[in-house]
Amino acid sequence: MNFWGNKIFVRSNEKNQVQGMAETARALQWTGDKRDGWALTIFSFYIFFVNGLALGQYSHTTSHHLEFQCL
């Protein structure tokens, strides 16, 4: 992955892609740049949202199932 030029560069193959994302997120935290902080917040929200959506599809709770079907 390459964010904002070569400021932060994390190489990873498909097998280690999630680990690479985590390392990139930590690197963004270390920069202390407000712009990077916002990007990290949005990035984290996206990852948690996608994970929640996947879990919702397999949820036995009807309300959750209907909620995710509407999205």
Protein backbone atom coordinates (compact mmCIF):
# COMPACT_ATOMS: atom_id res chain seq x y z
CA MET A 1 0.00 0.00 0.00
CA ASN A 2 1.16 3.50 -0.69
CA PHE A 3 -0.54 6.40 1.10
CA TRP A 4 0.23 10.03 0.19
CA GLY A 5 3.29 9.44 -1.92
CA ASN A 6 6.10 7.70 -0.08
CA LYS A 7 5.30 9.15 3.35
CA ILE A 8 4.11 5.76 4.52
CA PHE A 9 4.85 2.62 2.57
CA VAL A 10 3.86 -0.86 3.68
CA ARG A 11 4.48 -3.78 1.39
CA SER A 12 2.50 -6.96 1.92
CA ASN A 13 1.33 -9.92 -0.08
CA GLU A 14 -2.29 -11.07 -0.08
CA LYS A 15 -1.67 -13.46 2.80
CA ASN A 16 -0.45 -10.65 5.06
CA GLN A 17 -2.75 -7.93 3.73
CA VAL A 18 -4.66 -7.51 6.99
CA GLN A 19 -1.42 -7.31 8.96
CA GLY A 20 -0.17 -4.71 6.50
CA MET A 21 -3.34 -2.67 7.03
CA ALA A 22 -2.83 -2.80 10.79
CA GLU A 23 0.79 -1.68 10.40
CA THR A 24 -0.29 1.16 8.13
CA ALA A 25 -2.93 2.25 10.65
CA ARG A 26 -0.31 2.30 13.41
CA ALA A 27 2.06 4.27 11.18
CA LEU A 28 -0.71 6.81 10.53
CA GLN A 29 -1.25 7.16 14.27
CA TRP A 30 2.45 7.84 14.82
CA THR A 31 2.54 10.71 12.32
CA GLY A 32 0.39 12.96 14.50
CA ASP A 33 -0.85 14.72 11.37
CA LYS A 34 -4.50 15.74 11.70
CA ARG A 35 -5.18 14.89 8.05
CA ASP A 36 -3.76 11.41 8.58
CA GLY A 37 -5.75 11.13 11.79
CA TRP A 38 -8.99 11.76 9.91
CA ALA A 39 -7.97 9.25 7.26
CA LEU A 40 -7.23 6.68 9.96
CA THR A 41 -10.63 7.31 11.56
CA ILE A 42 -12.45 6.84 8.25
CA PHE A 43 -10.30 3.81 7.36
CA SER A 44 -10.96 2.17 10.74
CA PHE A 45 -14.70 2.88 10.50
CA TYR A 46 -14.77 1.31 7.02
CA ILE A 47 -12.98 -1.84 8.19
CA PHE A 48 -15.23 -2.24 11.24
CA PHE A 49 -18.33 -1.56 9.13
CA VAL A 50 -17.37 -4.21 6.56
CA ASN A 51 -16.59 -6.73 9.32
CA GLY A 52 -19.91 -5.94 11.00
CA LEU A 53 -21.74 -6.35 7.70
CA ALA A 54 -20.16 -9.78 7.17
CA LEU A 55 -21.06 -10.84 10.71
CA GLY A 56 -24.58 -9.50 10.27
CA GLN A 57 -25.14 -11.71 7.24
CA TYR A 58 -24.49 -14.79 9.40
CA SER A 59 -26.31 -13.47 12.46
CA HIS A 60 -29.12 -15.58 13.90
CA THR A 61 -30.81 -12.42 15.17
CA THR A 62 -33.67 -11.53 12.84
CA SER A 63 -33.46 -7.81 13.55
CA HIS A 64 -29.78 -7.71 12.60
CA HIS A 65 -30.44 -9.78 9.50
CA LEU A 66 -33.16 -7.40 8.31
CA GLU A 67 -31.06 -4.38 9.22
CA PHE A 68 -28.16 -5.49 7.05
CA GLN A 69 -30.45 -6.61 4.23
CA CYS A 70 -31.75 -3.03 4.02
CA LEU A 71 -28.25 -1.63 3.51
